């Protein structure tokens, strides 16, 4: 049975008259990576700030391991590690000086601070930079230090806001690998508006759009949320007129390559069986036929459109 480290119930917040988020509900598994996806301004940061105790919600509840973030913020925050979009680094300090400061702020006992620092540095691959000034590190290694401060007190939940933002492709791959390793021991929330990030790293996904949850399921389910509505067929002996391929249920036929056609359809994907039978009957010499999966961008666009209709 799956266990959960955090629970958000009927969470709503408004800064002035308009609601930033409205009736948000989801649970966070105690292990693995949960993607918090949404366009800029969708309500992701508001949700994270409430969960991390940065702001108090207007309505609803947020609990970490059964502890109310609003009613008992100090105890709840002991269980959370947080890396905001811009890592809170003191660039004039060395890596060790900074992490020692963070361990103190996180109430790590004095006798345990060195071990906590060594653990965080080893996990994030920055041990060899212990005495290096933060200002002299590359963007990728500064981000690693930011992640190290988020795990130095060994929290049960780590919240990362746009952790690969501004990094080059190699740095992105390295940080993704690090996040996956961290998630082997605890829960991680990764907030982003970049679809490829959730696809590459996340096990489950919550999508917020216009302040409301519009999708909550596994990454696999998200990727397959919208049924395919087109297929590609290759015919060695195609008919002279493309319109002959437009069988009942097919709304559009497009030539996309030599003897290769994209067919858009309405209704069931079983239309492909009809096409196969028709091709055999008329000697079209069918070589290949396959359904086209909806892209993640397409899923995102459709869910965003659905959310706008419901507001």
Protein backbone atom coordinates (compact mmCIF):
# COMPACT_ATOMS: atom_id res chain seq x y z
CA UNK A 1 0.00 0.00 0.00
CA UNK A 2 1.40 3.40 -1.02
CA UNK A 3 2.20 5.77 1.86
CA UNK A 4 2.04 9.56 1.69
CA UNK A 5 4.23 12.17 3.36
CA UNK A 6 2.06 15.22 2.67
CA UNK A 7 -1.57 16.03 2.04
CA UNK A 8 -3.21 19.17 0.67
CA UNK A 9 -6.96 19.54 1.15
CA UNK A 10 -9.30 22.19 -0.30
CA UNK A 11 -6.44 24.68 -0.47
CA UNK A 12 -7.40 28.17 -1.66
CA UNK A 13 -5.63 31.51 -1.52
CA UNK A 14 -6.18 35.03 -2.73
CA UNK A 15 -3.84 37.98 -2.48
CA UNK A 16 -6.46 40.65 -3.19
CA UNK A 17 -9.89 40.05 -4.68
CA UNK A 18 -9.03 37.31 -7.18
CA UNK A 19 -8.20 33.72 -6.20
CA UNK A 20 -4.64 32.62 -7.02
CA UNK A 21 -5.56 28.99 -6.34
CA UNK A 22 -8.96 27.46 -5.67
CA UNK A 23 -9.83 24.16 -3.97
CA UNK A 24 -6.50 22.38 -4.59
CA UNK A 25 -6.40 18.74 -3.44
CA UNK A 26 -3.59 16.17 -3.76
CA UNK A 27 -1.34 13.82 -1.80
CA UNK A 28 2.43 13.41 -2.08
CA UNK A 29 3.87 9.86 -1.99
CA UNK A 30 6.59 9.38 0.64
CA UNK A 31 9.11 8.39 -2.05
CA UNK A 32 9.72 9.37 -5.68
CA UNK A 33 9.30 12.54 -7.71
CA UNK A 34 6.01 14.42 -8.05
CA UNK A 35 5.93 16.96 -10.87
CA UNK A 36 3.99 20.16 -10.21
CA UNK A 37 3.33 21.39 -13.72
CA UNK A 38 1.63 24.53 -14.96
CA UNK A 39 2.18 27.60 -17.08
CA UNK A 40 3.63 30.75 -15.52
CA UNK A 41 1.03 32.31 -13.22
CA UNK A 42 -0.97 29.08 -12.94
CA UNK A 43 -0.65 28.91 -9.13
CA UNK A 44 2.36 26.60 -8.67
CA UNK A 45 4.43 29.01 -6.60
CA UNK A 46 1.49 29.92 -4.39
CA UNK A 47 0.84 26.24 -3.70
CA UNK A 48 4.51 25.59 -2.90
CA UNK A 49 4.83 28.67 -0.70
CA UNK A 50 1.85 27.54 1.37
CA UNK A 51 3.19 23.99 1.62
CA UNK A 52 6.59 25.31 2.76
CA UNK A 53 5.07 27.73 5.27
CA UNK A 54 6.15 30.90 3.45
CA UNK A 55 2.57 32.23 3.35
CA UNK A 56 -0.64 31.22 5.12
CA UNK A 57 -3.52 30.04 2.99
CA UNK A 58 -6.90 31.76 2.90
CA UNK A 59 -8.73 28.44 3.12
CA UNK A 60 -7.94 24.73 3.41
CA UNK A 61 -5.20 22.65 4.97
CA UNK A 62 -1.64 21.50 4.27
CA UNK A 63 -0.08 18.73 6.36
CA UNK A 64 3.46 17.29 6.34
CA UNK A 65 3.60 13.84 7.94
CA UNK A 66 0.36 14.66 9.75
CA UNK A 67 1.60 18.05 11.04
CA UNK A 68 -0.33 21.17 10.05
CA UNK A 69 1.95 23.68 8.33
CA UNK A 70 -0.25 26.54 9.52
CA UNK A 71 -0.88 25.43 13.11
CA UNK A 72 2.58 24.02 13.84
CA UNK A 73 4.92 25.65 11.29
CA UNK A 74 8.23 25.07 13.09
CA UNK A 75 7.73 21.31 13.44
CA UNK A 76 6.40 21.02 9.88
CA UNK A 77 9.31 22.96 8.39
CA UNK A 78 11.81 20.62 10.06
CA UNK A 79 10.55 17.96 7.65
CA UNK A 80 10.94 20.13 4.51
CA UNK A 81 13.92 21.07 2.36
CA UNK A 82 13.29 23.91 -0.08
CA UNK A 83 15.20 25.21 -3.08
CA UNK A 84 13.49 28.28 -4.57
CA UNK A 85 13.93 29.18 -8.24
CA UNK A 86 16.91 31.36 -7.35
CA UNK A 87 19.11 29.51 -4.88
CA UNK A 88 19.58 31.56 -1.65
CA UNK A 89 23.37 31.57 -1.84
CA UNK A 90 25.77 33.89 -0.03
CA UNK A 91 28.37 34.22 -2.76
CA UNK A 92 31.05 35.68 -0.47
CA UNK A 93 31.15 32.43 1.56
CA UNK A 94 32.90 29.16 0.80
CA UNK A 95 30.85 26.01 0.27
CA UNK A 96 31.67 24.79 3.80
CA UNK A 97 30.91 28.15 5.41
CA UNK A 98 27.58 28.35 3.65
CA UNK A 99 26.49 24.77 4.42
CA UNK A 100 27.54 25.16 8.07
CA UNK A 101 25.36 28.27 8.25
CA UNK A 102 22.43 26.38 6.65
CA UNK A 103 22.82 23.44 9.04
CA UNK A 104 22.68 25.87 11.97
CA UNK A 105 19.53 27.50 10.57
CA UNK A 106 18.00 24.03 10.19
CA UNK A 107 18.65 23.25 13.87
CA UNK A 108 21.09 20.45 13.16
CA UNK A 109 22.80 19.67 16.51
CA UNK A 110 26.31 21.14 16.72
CA UNK A 111 27.84 17.70 17.16
CA UNK A 112 26.17 16.48 13.95
CA UNK A 113 26.88 19.44 11.67
CA UNK A 114 30.13 18.13 10.16
CA UNK A 115 28.58 14.75 9.36
CA UNK A 116 25.53 16.49 7.87
CA UNK A 117 27.76 18.67 5.69
CA UNK A 118 29.83 15.69 4.53
CA UNK A 119 26.65 13.77 3.64
CA UNK A 120 25.14 16.67 1.65
CA UNK A 121 28.41 17.41 -0.19
CA UNK A 122 28.97 13.76 -1.09
CA UNK A 123 25.40 13.32 -2.31
CA UNK A 124 25.62 16.44 -4.47
CA UNK A 125 29.16 15.81 -5.76
CA UNK A 126 30.69 19.00 -4.37
CA UNK A 127 33.13 17.64 -1.73
CA UNK A 128 36.13 18.76 -3.79
CA UNK A 129 34.80 22.36 -3.72
CA UNK A 130 34.57 22.58 0.10
CA UNK A 131 36.88 25.59 0.37
CA UNK A 132 35.89 27.25 -2.91
CA UNK A 133 34.01 30.57 -2.83
CA UNK A 134 30.47 30.19 -4.10
CA UNK A 135 31.05 33.14 -6.43
CA UNK A 136 33.74 31.11 -8.23
CA UNK A 137 31.50 28.11 -8.98
CA UNK A 138 29.71 27.53 -12.28
CA UNK A 139 25.93 27.81 -12.46
CA UNK A 140 25.56 24.04 -12.36
CA UNK A 141 27.66 23.65 -9.21
CA UNK A 142 25.95 26.60 -7.54
CA UNK A 143 22.69 24.76 -8.14
CA UNK A 144 24.19 21.63 -6.55
CA UNK A 145 25.09 23.67 -3.48
CA UNK A 146 21.51 24.94 -3.42
CA UNK A 147 20.25 21.35 -3.44
CA UNK A 148 22.79 20.43 -0.74
CA UNK A 149 21.35 23.07 1.62
CA UNK A 150 17.88 21.64 0.96
CA UNK A 151 18.87 18.14 2.13
CA UNK A 152 21.45 18.92 4.83
CA UNK A 153 18.95 18.19 7.64
CA UNK A 154 17.72 15.01 5.89
CA UNK A 155 14.13 16.16 5.38
CA UNK A 156 11.31 13.80 4.43
CA UNK A 157 10.14 16.17 1.66
CA UNK A 158 12.31 18.20 -0.72
CA UNK A 159 10.66 20.96 -2.76
CA UNK A 160 12.52 22.19 -5.86
CA UNK A 161 11.29 25.18 -7.85
CA UNK A 162 12.53 25.18 -11.48
CA UNK A 163 15.82 23.45 -10.46
CA UNK A 164 17.26 23.30 -14.00
CA UNK A 165 16.35 26.84 -15.02
CA UNK A 166 19.28 28.64 -16.67
CA UNK A 167 21.55 25.58 -16.87
CA UNK A 168 23.23 24.31 -20.02
CA UNK A 169 22.22 20.86 -21.43
CA UNK A 170 25.03 18.96 -19.69
CA UNK A 171 24.29 20.63 -16.35
CA UNK A 172 20.59 19.83 -16.76
CA UNK A 173 21.35 16.13 -17.22
CA UNK A 174 23.60 16.13 -14.14
CA UNK A 175 21.01 17.88 -11.94
CA UNK A 176 18.25 15.53 -13.16
CA UNK A 177 20.39 12.53 -12.18
CA UNK A 178 21.03 14.07 -8.76
CA UNK A 179 17.30 14.70 -8.19
CA UNK A 180 16.48 11.08 -9.05
CA UNK A 181 19.10 9.86 -6.56
CA UNK A 182 17.66 12.08 -3.82
CA UNK A 183 14.16 10.76 -4.56
CA UNK A 184 15.29 7.20 -3.84
CA UNK A 185 15.29 8.07 -0.12
CA UNK A 186 12.52 10.66 0.23
CA UNK A 187 9.73 12.53 -1.52
CA UNK A 188 10.61 15.25 -4.02
CA UNK A 189 8.32 17.88 -5.54
CA UNK A 190 9.65 19.37 -8.76
CA UNK A 191 7.83 22.48 -9.90
CA UNK A 192 8.24 23.53 -13.53
CA UNK A 193 6.47 24.88 -16.60
CA UNK A 194 8.74 22.86 -18.91
CA UNK A 195 7.09 19.67 -20.16
CA UNK A 196 10.35 17.89 -20.95
CA UNK A 197 11.42 18.24 -17.30
CA UNK A 198 8.47 16.29 -15.92
CA UNK A 199 8.76 13.76 -18.73
CA UNK A 200 12.43 13.14 -17.94
CA UNK A 201 12.24 12.99 -14.15
CA UNK A 202 8.79 12.54 -12.63
CA UNK A 203 6.83 9.48 -11.52
CA UNK A 204 3.56 11.30 -10.84
CA UNK A 205 2.21 14.64 -11.93
CA UNK A 206 -0.12 17.34 -10.69
CA UNK A 207 -1.04 19.95 -13.26
CA UNK A 208 -2.39 23.30 -12.10
CA UNK A 209 -3.91 25.74 -14.54
CA UNK A 210 -5.76 28.97 -13.72
CA UNK A 211 -5.46 28.12 -10.04
CA UNK A 212 -7.11 24.70 -10.22
CA UNK A 213 -5.92 21.11 -10.49
CA UNK A 214 -6.73 19.90 -14.00
CA UNK A 215 -4.82 16.62 -13.90
CA UNK A 216 -3.50 14.33 -11.13
CA UNK A 217 -2.12 10.92 -12.10
CA UNK A 218 1.02 9.08 -13.20
CA UNK A 219 3.37 10.40 -15.88
CA UNK A 220 2.32 7.49 -18.08
CA UNK A 221 -1.34 8.42 -17.78
CA UNK A 222 -0.54 12.06 -18.55
CA UNK A 223 1.38 11.12 -21.66
CA UNK A 224 -1.58 9.07 -22.87
CA UNK A 225 -4.34 11.38 -21.63
CA UNK A 226 -5.69 12.33 -25.01
CA UNK A 227 -6.57 9.53 -27.42
CA UNK A 228 -4.79 9.65 -30.79
CA UNK A 229 -6.79 11.28 -33.56
CA UNK A 230 -4.51 10.62 -36.52
CA UNK A 231 -2.58 7.78 -38.11
CA UNK A 232 0.09 7.50 -40.80
CA UNK A 233 -0.24 4.97 -43.59
CA UNK A 234 2.26 4.03 -46.33
CA UNK A 235 0.89 2.53 -49.56
CA UNK A 236 3.09 1.15 -52.34
CA UNK A 237 0.20 1.31 -54.83
CA UNK A 238 -1.88 4.26 -53.62
CA UNK A 239 -5.10 5.32 -55.36
CA UNK A 240 -4.87 8.04 -57.96
CA UNK A 241 -7.05 10.39 -55.93
CA UNK A 242 -6.28 11.03 -52.25
CA UNK A 243 -10.01 11.38 -51.62
CA UNK A 244 -10.38 7.63 -52.12
CA UNK A 245 -8.52 7.14 -48.82
CA UNK A 246 -11.01 9.35 -47.01
CA UNK A 247 -13.25 6.57 -45.76
CA UNK A 248 -16.20 7.23 -43.40
CA UNK A 249 -14.76 8.56 -40.12
CA UNK A 250 -11.64 10.06 -41.75
CA UNK A 251 -11.91 13.85 -41.79
CA UNK A 252 -8.66 14.81 -43.54
CA UNK A 253 -5.94 13.17 -45.65
CA UNK A 254 -2.52 14.80 -46.07
CA UNK A 255 0.40 13.65 -48.25
CA UNK A 256 3.52 13.88 -46.03
CA UNK A 257 6.02 11.86 -48.04
CA UNK A 258 6.35 9.53 -51.05
CA UNK A 259 3.23 7.31 -50.82
CA UNK A 260 2.89 8.28 -47.13
CA UNK A 261 -0.33 9.84 -45.83
CA UNK A 262 -1.46 11.32 -42.51
CA UNK A 263 -5.14 10.69 -41.90
CA UNK A 264 -7.08 12.51 -39.20
CA UNK A 265 -10.18 10.81 -37.89
CA UNK A 266 -13.08 11.17 -35.49
CA UNK A 267 -14.28 8.43 -33.18
CA UNK A 268 -12.59 5.10 -32.51
CA UNK A 269 -9.02 4.24 -33.54
CA UNK A 270 -10.54 1.03 -34.99
CA UNK A 271 -10.80 3.04 -38.21
CA UNK A 272 -7.31 1.67 -38.97
CA UNK A 273 -8.80 -1.84 -39.32
CA UNK A 274 -11.21 -0.51 -41.92
CA UNK A 275 -8.31 1.09 -43.81
CA UNK A 276 -6.33 -2.19 -43.75
CA UNK A 277 -9.32 -4.11 -45.13
CA UNK A 278 -9.97 -1.48 -47.79
CA UNK A 279 -6.29 -1.48 -48.84
CA UNK A 280 -6.32 -5.26 -49.28
CA UNK A 281 -9.56 -5.16 -51.25
CA UNK A 282 -8.34 -2.46 -53.64
CA UNK A 283 -4.71 -3.60 -54.03
CA UNK A 284 -3.09 -0.55 -52.45
CA UNK A 285 -0.22 -2.72 -51.13
CA UNK A 286 -0.17 -1.37 -47.57
CA UNK A 287 3.37 -1.33 -46.14
CA UNK A 288 2.89 0.41 -42.78
CA UNK A 289 0.19 1.95 -40.61
CA UNK A 290 0.52 3.40 -37.11
CA UNK A 291 -1.37 5.71 -34.74
CA UNK A 292 0.28 8.98 -33.78
CA UNK A 293 0.52 9.63 -30.05
CA UNK A 294 -0.44 13.07 -28.84
CA UNK A 295 2.62 15.05 -27.81
CA UNK A 296 3.04 16.33 -24.26
CA UNK A 297 2.59 19.84 -25.63
CA UNK A 298 -0.72 18.74 -27.09
CA UNK A 299 -1.86 17.28 -23.77
CA UNK A 300 -0.82 20.46 -21.95
CA UNK A 301 -2.64 22.65 -24.46
CA UNK A 302 -5.82 20.56 -24.27
CA UNK A 303 -5.87 20.51 -20.46
CA UNK A 304 -5.25 24.28 -20.35
CA UNK A 305 -8.12 24.78 -22.80
CA UNK A 306 -10.41 22.60 -20.70
CA UNK A 307 -9.49 24.57 -17.55
CA UNK A 308 -10.30 27.87 -19.26
CA UNK A 309 -13.75 26.58 -20.24
CA UNK A 310 -14.56 25.60 -16.66
CA UNK A 311 -13.68 29.00 -15.16
